[in-house]
Amino acid sequence: MQMGTNFSFIEENYKRILYNVDETVAKYRKSDEKVDIIAVTKTVAPDAVNFAISCGINKIGENRVQEYLSKKDYYDKKADVHFIGHLQSNKVKYIINDINLIQSVDSIKIAQQINNFAEKTGKIQDILIEVNVGGEETKYGISPNMLKDTVLEISTLNNVKIKGLMTILPINASEEIFYKMQKLYIDILEENIDNIDMKILSMGMSNDYQTAIKYGSNMIRVGSALFGERVY
């Protein structure tokens, strides 16, 4: 950690996020339901990330393979690392050994590639299926009408394990979109498909995580709300 750098604002932001999460769960969810907080670390220096880990963050989310490779050796190993950005097939081999959960599986092709490299390294890679619930052309993800067929095909792969769904919602999305994503999650859950362990709905970021929790999210991804808008 850089000498003289004051990261106390990160601790204050984290406390505020925890308070908001607790308040929202108390209002809309069962009291024993847990919401995981993923610290989004794009452009954030390792010393700031490590400070957040020291405050209690135990999961961090990486967006870019090259950036992760340049930073991973400096990270506190106490935190699980999730990959949350678009993943290209030719980059899978660089992260397969280190990533606990790949949240951004947006095609059968990338799932097959992950499966192949996971088999070579002798692991079963946990994944989430990314859904483009808002139908935005600028975003990646499976379209809702293709979700069940995609999930069924990926579920036949031996070295990946579907643990749930992820989405990046449109800016200023209506609550109807949140509800639609919640319903997609519940529908897949109730199918009871083999080789699927539907436990995670990763939905909500810095600007909308409280609404996401209202509609069933149990994993939120916060960057600017935790680290601020600045680049370290």
C-alpha atoms as a PDB file:
ATOM      1  CA  MET A   1       0.000   0.000   0.000  1.00  0.00           C
ATOM      2  CA  GLN A   2       1.351   3.403  -0.940  1.00  0.00           C
ATOM      3  CA  MET A   3       2.683   5.349   2.008  1.00  0.00           C
ATOM      4  CA  GLY A   4       0.672   8.423   2.862  1.00  0.00           C
ATOM      5  CA  THR A   5      -2.399   7.466   0.844  1.00  0.00           C
ATOM      6  CA  ASN A   6      -5.599   7.962   2.818  1.00  0.00           C
ATOM      7  CA  PHE A   7      -8.272   5.490   1.782  1.00  0.00           C
ATOM      8  CA  SER A   8     -10.598   6.154   4.727  1.00  0.00           C
ATOM      9  CA  PHE A   9     -13.317   7.312   2.323  1.00  0.00           C
ATOM     10  CA  ILE A  10     -13.451   3.745   0.958  1.00  0.00           C
ATOM     11  CA  GLU A  11     -14.292   2.474   4.441  1.00  0.00           C
ATOM     12  CA  GLU A  12     -17.007   5.119   4.802  1.00  0.00           C
ATOM     13  CA  ASN A  13     -18.447   4.220   1.412  1.00  0.00           C
ATOM     14  CA  TYR A  14     -18.421   0.536   2.317  1.00  0.00           C
ATOM     15  CA  LYS A  15     -20.274   1.232   5.571  1.00  0.00           C
ATOM     16  CA  ARG A  16     -22.863   3.228   3.622  1.00  0.00           C
ATOM     17  CA  ILE A  17     -23.342   0.397   1.128  1.00  0.00           C
ATOM     18  CA  LEU A  18     -23.712  -2.135   3.952  1.00  0.00           C
ATOM     19  CA  TYR A  19     -26.302   0.079   5.631  1.00  0.00           C
ATOM     20  CA  ASN A  20     -28.274   0.471   2.390  1.00  0.00           C
ATOM     21  CA  VAL A  21     -28.147  -3.258   1.714  1.00  0.00           C
ATOM     22  CA  ASP A  22     -29.345  -4.089   5.229  1.00  0.00           C
ATOM     23  CA  GLU A  23     -32.154  -1.532   5.024  1.00  0.00           C
ATOM     24  CA  THR A  24     -33.328  -2.835   1.655  1.00  0.00           C
ATOM     25  CA  VAL A  25     -33.210  -6.473   2.735  1.00  0.00           C
ATOM     26  CA  ALA A  26     -35.181  -5.599   5.879  1.00  0.00           C
ATOM     27  CA  LYS A  27     -37.811  -3.848   3.773  1.00  0.00           C
ATOM     28  CA  TYR A  28     -38.245  -6.302   0.893  1.00  0.00           C
ATOM     29  CA  ARG A  29     -36.625  -9.635   1.689  1.00  0.00           C
ATOM     30  CA  LYS A  30     -36.495 -12.329   4.357  1.00  0.00           C
ATOM     31  CA  SER A  31     -34.291 -11.396   7.282  1.00  0.00           C
ATOM     32  CA  ASP A  32     -31.927 -14.352   6.747  1.00  0.00           C
ATOM     33  CA  GLU A  33     -31.266 -13.616   3.064  1.00  0.00           C
ATOM     34  CA  LYS A  34     -27.685 -12.656   2.310  1.00  0.00           C
ATOM     35  CA  VAL A  35     -26.504 -10.235  -0.381  1.00  0.00           C
ATOM     36  CA  ASP A  36     -22.890 -10.519  -1.552  1.00  0.00           C
ATOM     37  CA  ILE A  37     -21.053  -7.338  -2.455  1.00  0.00           C
ATOM     38  CA  ILE A  38     -18.594  -7.514  -5.342  1.00  0.00           C
ATOM     39  CA  ALA A  39     -16.040  -4.698  -5.469  1.00  0.00           C
ATOM     40  CA  VAL A  40     -15.590  -3.727  -9.124  1.00  0.00           C
ATOM     41  CA  THR A  41     -11.889  -2.999  -9.530  1.00  0.00           C
ATOM     42  CA  LYS A  42     -11.609  -1.619 -13.080  1.00  0.00           C
ATOM     43  CA  THR A  43      -8.933   1.145 -13.106  1.00  0.00           C
ATOM     44  CA  VAL A  44      -8.526   0.851  -9.309  1.00  0.00           C
ATOM     45  CA  ALA A  45      -4.979   0.361  -8.037  1.00  0.00           C
ATOM     46  CA  PRO A  46      -4.194  -2.785  -6.016  1.00  0.00           C
ATOM     47  CA  ASP A  47      -3.439  -0.824  -2.836  1.00  0.00           C
ATOM     48  CA  ALA A  48      -6.932   0.675  -2.877  1.00  0.00           C
ATOM     49  CA  VAL A  49      -8.438  -2.751  -3.567  1.00  0.00           C
ATOM     50  CA  ASN A  50      -6.462  -4.258  -0.713  1.00  0.00           C
ATOM     51  CA  PHE A  51      -7.703  -1.539   1.619  1.00  0.00           C
ATOM     52  CA  ALA A  52     -11.276  -2.450   0.670  1.00  0.00           C
ATOM     53  CA  ILE A  53     -10.481  -6.097   1.394  1.00  0.00           C
ATOM     54  CA  SER A  54      -9.154  -5.083   4.817  1.00  0.00           C
ATOM     55  CA  CYS A  55     -12.515  -3.382   5.466  1.00  0.00           C
ATOM     56  CA  GLY A  56     -14.392  -6.637   4.866  1.00  0.00           C
ATOM     57  CA  ILE A  57     -14.822  -6.985   1.096  1.00  0.00           C
ATOM     58  CA  ASN A  58     -14.218 -10.633   0.256  1.00  0.00           C
ATOM     59  CA  LYS A  59     -15.065 -10.697  -3.457  1.00  0.00           C
ATOM     60  CA  ILE A  60     -13.629  -8.537  -6.221  1.00  0.00           C
ATOM     61  CA  GLY A  61     -14.774  -8.268  -9.824  1.00  0.00           C
ATOM     62  CA  GLU A  62     -12.384  -7.886 -12.754  1.00  0.00           C
ATOM     63  CA  ASN A  63     -13.517  -6.548 -16.137  1.00  0.00           C
ATOM     64  CA  ARG A  64     -10.436  -6.887 -18.330  1.00  0.00           C
ATOM     65  CA  VAL A  65      -8.037  -9.798 -18.663  1.00  0.00           C
ATOM     66  CA  GLN A  66      -4.928  -7.688 -19.360  1.00  0.00           C
ATOM     67  CA  GLU A  67      -5.591  -5.375 -16.437  1.00  0.00           C
ATOM     68  CA  TYR A  68      -6.194  -8.329 -14.124  1.00  0.00           C
ATOM     69  CA  LEU A  69      -2.947 -10.004 -15.179  1.00  0.00           C
ATOM     70  CA  SER A  70      -1.027  -6.812 -14.420  1.00  0.00           C
ATOM     71  CA  LYS A  71      -2.548  -6.507 -10.938  1.00  0.00           C
ATOM     72  CA  LYS A  72      -3.249 -10.011  -9.646  1.00  0.00           C
ATOM     73  CA  ASP A  73       0.122 -10.594  -7.976  1.00  0.00           C
ATOM     74  CA  TYR A  74      -0.405  -7.508  -5.805  1.00  0.00           C
ATOM     75  CA  TYR A  75      -3.858  -8.469  -4.541  1.00  0.00           C
ATOM     76  CA  ASP A  76      -4.534  -9.734  -1.044  1.00  0.00           C
ATOM     77  CA  LYS A  77      -5.311 -13.422  -1.534  1.00  0.00           C
ATOM     78  CA  LYS A  78      -8.110 -13.354   1.072  1.00  0.00           C
ATOM     79  CA  ALA A  79     -10.617 -12.209  -1.554  1.00  0.00           C
ATOM     80  CA  ASP A  80     -12.217 -14.387  -4.232  1.00  0.00           C
ATOM     81  CA  VAL A  81     -11.813 -13.057  -7.754  1.00  0.00           C
ATOM     82  CA  HIS A  82     -14.764 -12.985 -10.157  1.00  0.00           C
ATOM     83  CA  PHE A  83     -14.551 -12.122 -13.842  1.00  0.00           C
ATOM     84  CA  ILE A  84     -17.428  -9.813 -14.761  1.00  0.00           C
ATOM     85  CA  GLY A  85     -16.440  -8.331 -18.133  1.00  0.00           C
ATOM     86  CA  HIS A  86     -16.861  -9.622 -21.663  1.00  0.00           C
ATOM     87  CA  LEU A  87     -14.528 -12.599 -22.076  1.00  0.00           C
ATOM     88  CA  GLN A  88     -12.988 -13.435 -25.444  1.00  0.00           C
ATOM     89  CA  SER A  89     -12.298 -17.063 -26.293  1.00  0.00           C
ATOM     90  CA  ASN A  90      -8.578 -16.507 -26.746  1.00  0.00           C
ATOM     91  CA  LYS A  91      -8.246 -15.017 -23.244  1.00  0.00           C
ATOM     92  CA  VAL A  92      -9.814 -17.863 -21.262  1.00  0.00           C
ATOM     93  CA  LYS A  93      -6.520 -19.701 -20.792  1.00  0.00           C
ATOM     94  CA  TYR A  94      -4.994 -16.722 -18.975  1.00  0.00           C
ATOM     95  CA  ILE A  95      -7.550 -16.616 -16.162  1.00  0.00           C
ATOM     96  CA  ILE A  96      -8.856 -20.168 -15.804  1.00  0.00           C
ATOM     97  CA  ASN A  97      -6.554 -21.035 -12.888  1.00  0.00           C
ATOM     98  CA  ASP A  98      -7.328 -17.975 -10.766  1.00  0.00           C
ATOM     99  CA  ILE A  99     -10.974 -17.031 -11.169  1.00  0.00           C
ATOM    100  CA  ASN A 100     -13.541 -18.340  -8.692  1.00  0.00           C
ATOM    101  CA  LEU A 101     -16.604 -17.365 -10.725  1.00  0.00           C
ATOM    102  CA  ILE A 102     -16.940 -16.240 -14.344  1.00  0.00           C
ATOM    103  CA  GLN A 103     -20.094 -14.122 -14.323  1.00  0.00           C
ATOM    104  CA  SER A 104     -20.181 -13.109 -17.983  1.00  0.00           C
ATOM    105  CA  VAL A 105     -20.781 -16.285 -20.008  1.00  0.00           C
ATOM    106  CA  ASP A 106     -22.761 -14.882 -22.928  1.00  0.00           C
ATOM    107  CA  SER A 107     -22.660 -17.686 -25.508  1.00  0.00           C
ATOM    108  CA  ILE A 108     -22.428 -21.438 -25.885  1.00  0.00           C
ATOM    109  CA  LYS A 109     -19.097 -20.950 -27.650  1.00  0.00           C
ATOM    110  CA  ILE A 110     -17.435 -19.246 -24.679  1.00  0.00           C
ATOM    111  CA  ALA A 111     -18.898 -21.833 -22.292  1.00  0.00           C
ATOM    112  CA  GLN A 112     -17.360 -24.599 -24.407  1.00  0.00           C
ATOM    113  CA  GLN A 113     -14.000 -22.841 -24.401  1.00  0.00           C
ATOM    114  CA  ILE A 114     -14.103 -22.440 -20.618  1.00  0.00           C
ATOM    115  CA  ASN A 115     -15.069 -26.093 -20.325  1.00  0.00           C
ATOM    116  CA  ASN A 116     -12.105 -27.169 -22.467  1.00  0.00           C
ATOM    117  CA  PHE A 117      -9.536 -25.241 -20.446  1.00  0.00           C
ATOM    118  CA  ALA A 118     -11.137 -26.224 -17.139  1.00  0.00           C
ATOM    119  CA  GLU A 119     -10.846 -29.872 -18.167  1.00  0.00           C
ATOM    120  CA  LYS A 120      -7.154 -29.402 -18.963  1.00  0.00           C
ATOM    121  CA  THR A 121      -6.496 -27.874 -15.556  1.00  0.00           C
ATOM    122  CA  GLY A 122      -8.601 -30.433 -13.700  1.00  0.00           C
ATOM    123  CA  LYS A 123     -11.203 -28.072 -12.295  1.00  0.00           C
ATOM    124  CA  ILE A 124     -14.919 -27.471 -12.546  1.00  0.00           C
ATOM    125  CA  GLN A 125     -15.378 -23.784 -13.280  1.00  0.00           C
ATOM    126  CA  ASP A 126     -18.346 -22.037 -11.705  1.00  0.00           C
ATOM    127  CA  ILE A 127     -20.122 -19.684 -14.125  1.00  0.00           C
ATOM    128  CA  LEU A 128     -23.113 -17.397 -14.425  1.00  0.00           C
ATOM    129  CA  ILE A 129     -25.065 -16.972 -17.646  1.00  0.00           C
ATOM    130  CA  GLU A 130     -25.225 -13.304 -18.691  1.00  0.00           C
ATOM    131  CA  VAL A 131     -28.660 -12.209 -19.875  1.00  0.00           C
ATOM    132  CA  ASN A 132     -29.309  -9.115 -21.991  1.00  0.00           C
ATOM    133  CA  VAL A 133     -32.646  -8.521 -20.322  1.00  0.00           C
ATOM    134  CA  GLY A 134     -32.989  -4.989 -21.675  1.00  0.00           C
ATOM    135  CA  GLY A 135     -32.389  -6.056 -25.278  1.00  0.00           C
ATOM    136  CA  GLU A 136     -29.695  -3.416 -25.756  1.00  0.00           C
ATOM    137  CA  GLU A 137     -27.588  -3.776 -28.898  1.00  0.00           C
ATOM    138  CA  THR A 138     -24.556  -2.333 -27.131  1.00  0.00           C
ATOM    139  CA  LYS A 139     -24.579  -4.979 -24.407  1.00  0.00           C
ATOM    140  CA  TYR A 140     -23.546  -8.616 -24.403  1.00  0.00           C
ATOM    141  CA  GLY A 141     -25.692 -11.433 -23.071  1.00  0.00           C
ATOM    142  CA  ILE A 142     -28.181 -14.109 -24.023  1.00  0.00           C
ATOM    143  CA  SER A 143     -31.581 -12.850 -25.149  1.00  0.00           C
ATOM    144  CA  PRO A 144     -34.350 -13.884 -22.748  1.00  0.00           C
ATOM    145  CA  ASN A 145     -36.156 -15.971 -25.365  1.00  0.00           C
ATOM    146  CA  MET A 146     -32.976 -18.031 -25.940  1.00  0.00           C
ATOM    147  CA  LEU A 147     -32.073 -18.415 -22.281  1.00  0.00           C
ATOM    148  CA  LYS A 148     -33.628 -21.793 -21.499  1.00  0.00           C
ATOM    149  CA  ASP A 149     -32.218 -23.503 -24.616  1.00  0.00           C
ATOM    150  CA  THR A 150     -28.780 -22.002 -23.952  1.00  0.00           C
ATOM    151  CA  VAL A 151     -28.816 -23.104 -20.323  1.00  0.00           C
ATOM    152  CA  LEU A 152     -29.866 -26.628 -21.320  1.00  0.00           C
ATOM    153  CA  GLU A 153     -26.985 -26.950 -23.772  1.00  0.00           C
ATOM    154  CA  ILE A 154     -24.356 -25.521 -21.436  1.00  0.00           C
ATOM    155  CA  SER A 155     -25.595 -27.777 -18.626  1.00  0.00           C
ATOM    156  CA  THR A 156     -24.344 -30.809 -20.575  1.00  0.00           C
ATOM    157  CA  LEU A 157     -20.713 -29.668 -20.273  1.00  0.00           C
ATOM    158  CA  ASN A 158     -18.788 -31.574 -17.619  1.00  0.00           C
ATOM    159  CA  ASN A 159     -16.291 -28.964 -16.449  1.00  0.00           C
ATOM    160  CA  VAL A 160     -18.486 -25.919 -15.991  1.00  0.00           C
ATOM    161  CA  LYS A 161     -21.183 -25.505 -13.388  1.00  0.00           C
ATOM    162  CA  ILE A 162     -23.974 -22.971 -13.842  1.00  0.00           C
ATOM    163  CA  LYS A 163     -24.520 -21.222 -10.506  1.00  0.00           C
ATOM    164  CA  GLY A 164     -27.058 -18.632 -11.636  1.00  0.00           C
ATOM    165  CA  LEU A 165     -27.638 -15.615 -13.846  1.00  0.00           C
ATOM    166  CA  MET A 166     -26.073 -12.180 -14.278  1.00  0.00           C
ATOM    167  CA  THR A 167     -27.307  -9.055 -16.019  1.00  0.00           C
ATOM    168  CA  ILE A 168     -26.215  -5.494 -16.694  1.00  0.00           C
ATOM    169  CA  LEU A 169     -29.403  -3.450 -16.663  1.00  0.00           C
ATOM    170  CA  PRO A 170     -30.093  -0.443 -18.863  1.00  0.00           C
ATOM    171  CA  ILE A 171     -29.358   2.937 -17.288  1.00  0.00           C
ATOM    172  CA  ASN A 172     -32.474   4.190 -15.491  1.00  0.00           C
ATOM    173  CA  ALA A 173     -34.209   0.856 -16.114  1.00  0.00           C
ATOM    174  CA  SER A 174     -37.847   0.633 -15.088  1.00  0.00           C
ATOM    175  CA  GLU A 175     -38.795  -1.693 -12.262  1.00  0.00           C
ATOM    176  CA  GLU A 176     -40.546  -3.795 -14.894  1.00  0.00           C
ATOM    177  CA  ILE A 177     -37.104  -4.771 -16.263  1.00  0.00           C
ATOM    178  CA  PHE A 178     -35.898  -5.768 -12.794  1.00  0.00           C
ATOM    179  CA  TYR A 179     -39.031  -7.873 -12.358  1.00  0.00           C
ATOM    180  CA  LYS A 180     -38.534  -9.506 -15.767  1.00  0.00           C
ATOM    181  CA  MET A 181     -35.012 -10.571 -14.768  1.00  0.00           C
ATOM    182  CA  GLN A 182     -36.234 -11.898 -11.427  1.00  0.00           C
ATOM    183  CA  LYS A 183     -38.877 -13.961 -13.233  1.00  0.00           C
ATOM    184  CA  LEU A 184     -36.307 -15.388 -15.672  1.00  0.00           C
ATOM    185  CA  TYR A 185     -34.184 -16.468 -12.709  1.00  0.00           C
ATOM    186  CA  ILE A 186     -37.117 -18.099 -10.917  1.00  0.00           C
ATOM    187  CA  ASP A 187     -38.289 -19.832 -14.107  1.00  0.00           C
ATOM    188  CA  ILE A 188     -34.871 -21.450 -14.667  1.00  0.00           C
ATOM    189  CA  LEU A 189     -34.615 -22.332 -10.979  1.00  0.00           C
ATOM    190  CA  GLU A 190     -37.962 -24.117 -11.077  1.00  0.00           C
ATOM    191  CA  GLU A 191     -36.934 -26.192 -14.117  1.00  0.00           C
ATOM    192  CA  ASN A 192     -34.612 -28.215 -11.827  1.00  0.00           C
ATOM    193  CA  ILE A 193     -32.169 -28.848 -14.691  1.00  0.00           C
ATOM    194  CA  ASP A 194     -29.366 -31.332 -14.005  1.00  0.00           C
ATOM    195  CA  ASN A 195     -25.864 -29.879 -13.441  1.00  0.00           C
ATOM    196  CA  ILE A 196     -27.287 -26.487 -12.476  1.00  0.00           C
ATOM    197  CA  ASP A 197     -27.125 -25.006  -8.995  1.00  0.00           C
ATOM    198  CA  MET A 198     -29.222 -21.854  -9.292  1.00  0.00           C
ATOM    199  CA  LYS A 199     -28.169 -19.890  -6.244  1.00  0.00           C
ATOM    200  CA  ILE A 200     -26.960 -16.557  -7.608  1.00  0.00           C
ATOM    201  CA  LEU A 201     -28.773 -13.659  -9.228  1.00  0.00           C
ATOM    202  CA  SER A 202     -26.064 -11.074  -9.903  1.00  0.00           C
ATOM    203  CA  MET A 203     -27.988  -7.895 -10.645  1.00  0.00           C
ATOM    204  CA  GLY A 204     -27.467  -4.284  -9.663  1.00  0.00           C
ATOM    205  CA  MET A 205     -24.549  -1.856  -9.694  1.00  0.00           C
ATOM    206  CA  SER A 206     -23.646   1.387  -7.941  1.00  0.00           C
ATOM    207  CA  ASN A 207     -26.663   3.342  -9.194  1.00  0.00           C
ATOM    208  CA  ASP A 208     -29.399   0.713  -8.853  1.00  0.00           C
ATOM    209  CA  TYR A 209     -28.367  -1.985  -6.379  1.00  0.00           C
ATOM    210  CA  GLN A 210     -31.164  -1.247  -3.918  1.00  0.00           C
ATOM    211  CA  THR A 211     -33.832  -1.749  -6.579  1.00  0.00           C
ATOM    212  CA  ALA A 212     -32.031  -4.923  -7.685  1.00  0.00           C
ATOM    213  CA  ILE A 213     -32.155  -6.297  -4.142  1.00  0.00           C
ATOM    214  CA  LYS A 214     -35.871  -5.513  -4.026  1.00  0.00           C
ATOM    215  CA  TYR A 215     -36.283  -7.785  -7.051  1.00  0.00           C
ATOM    216  CA  GLY A 216     -34.328 -10.741  -5.774  1.00  0.00           C
ATOM    217  CA  SER A 217     -30.671  -9.962  -6.445  1.00  0.00           C
ATOM    218  CA  ASN A 218     -28.342 -11.644  -3.984  1.00  0.00           C
ATOM    219  CA  MET A 219     -25.125 -10.365  -5.549  1.00  0.00           C
ATOM    220  CA  ILE A 220     -24.432  -6.713  -6.388  1.00  0.00           C
ATOM    221  CA  ARG A 221     -21.432  -5.229  -8.211  1.00  0.00           C
ATOM    222  CA  VAL A 222     -20.294  -1.829  -6.953  1.00  0.00           C
ATOM    223  CA  GLY A 223     -17.408   0.249  -8.276  1.00  0.00           C
ATOM    224  CA  SER A 224     -17.917   4.005  -8.066  1.00  0.00           C
ATOM    225  CA  ALA A 225     -20.146   3.701  -4.979  1.00  0.00           C
ATOM    226  CA  LEU A 226     -17.190   2.088  -3.194  1.00  0.00           C
ATOM    227  CA  PHE A 227     -14.064   3.575  -4.758  1.00  0.00           C
ATOM    228  CA  GLY A 228     -15.427   6.892  -6.054  1.00  0.00           C
ATOM    229  CA  GLU A 229     -15.301   8.196  -9.599  1.00  0.00           C
ATOM    230  CA  ARG A 230     -11.578   8.956  -9.590  1.00  0.00           C
ATOM    231  CA  VAL A 231      -8.881   6.794 -11.143  1.00  0.00           C
ATOM    232  CA  TYR A 232      -6.016   5.886  -8.802  1.00  0.00           C
END
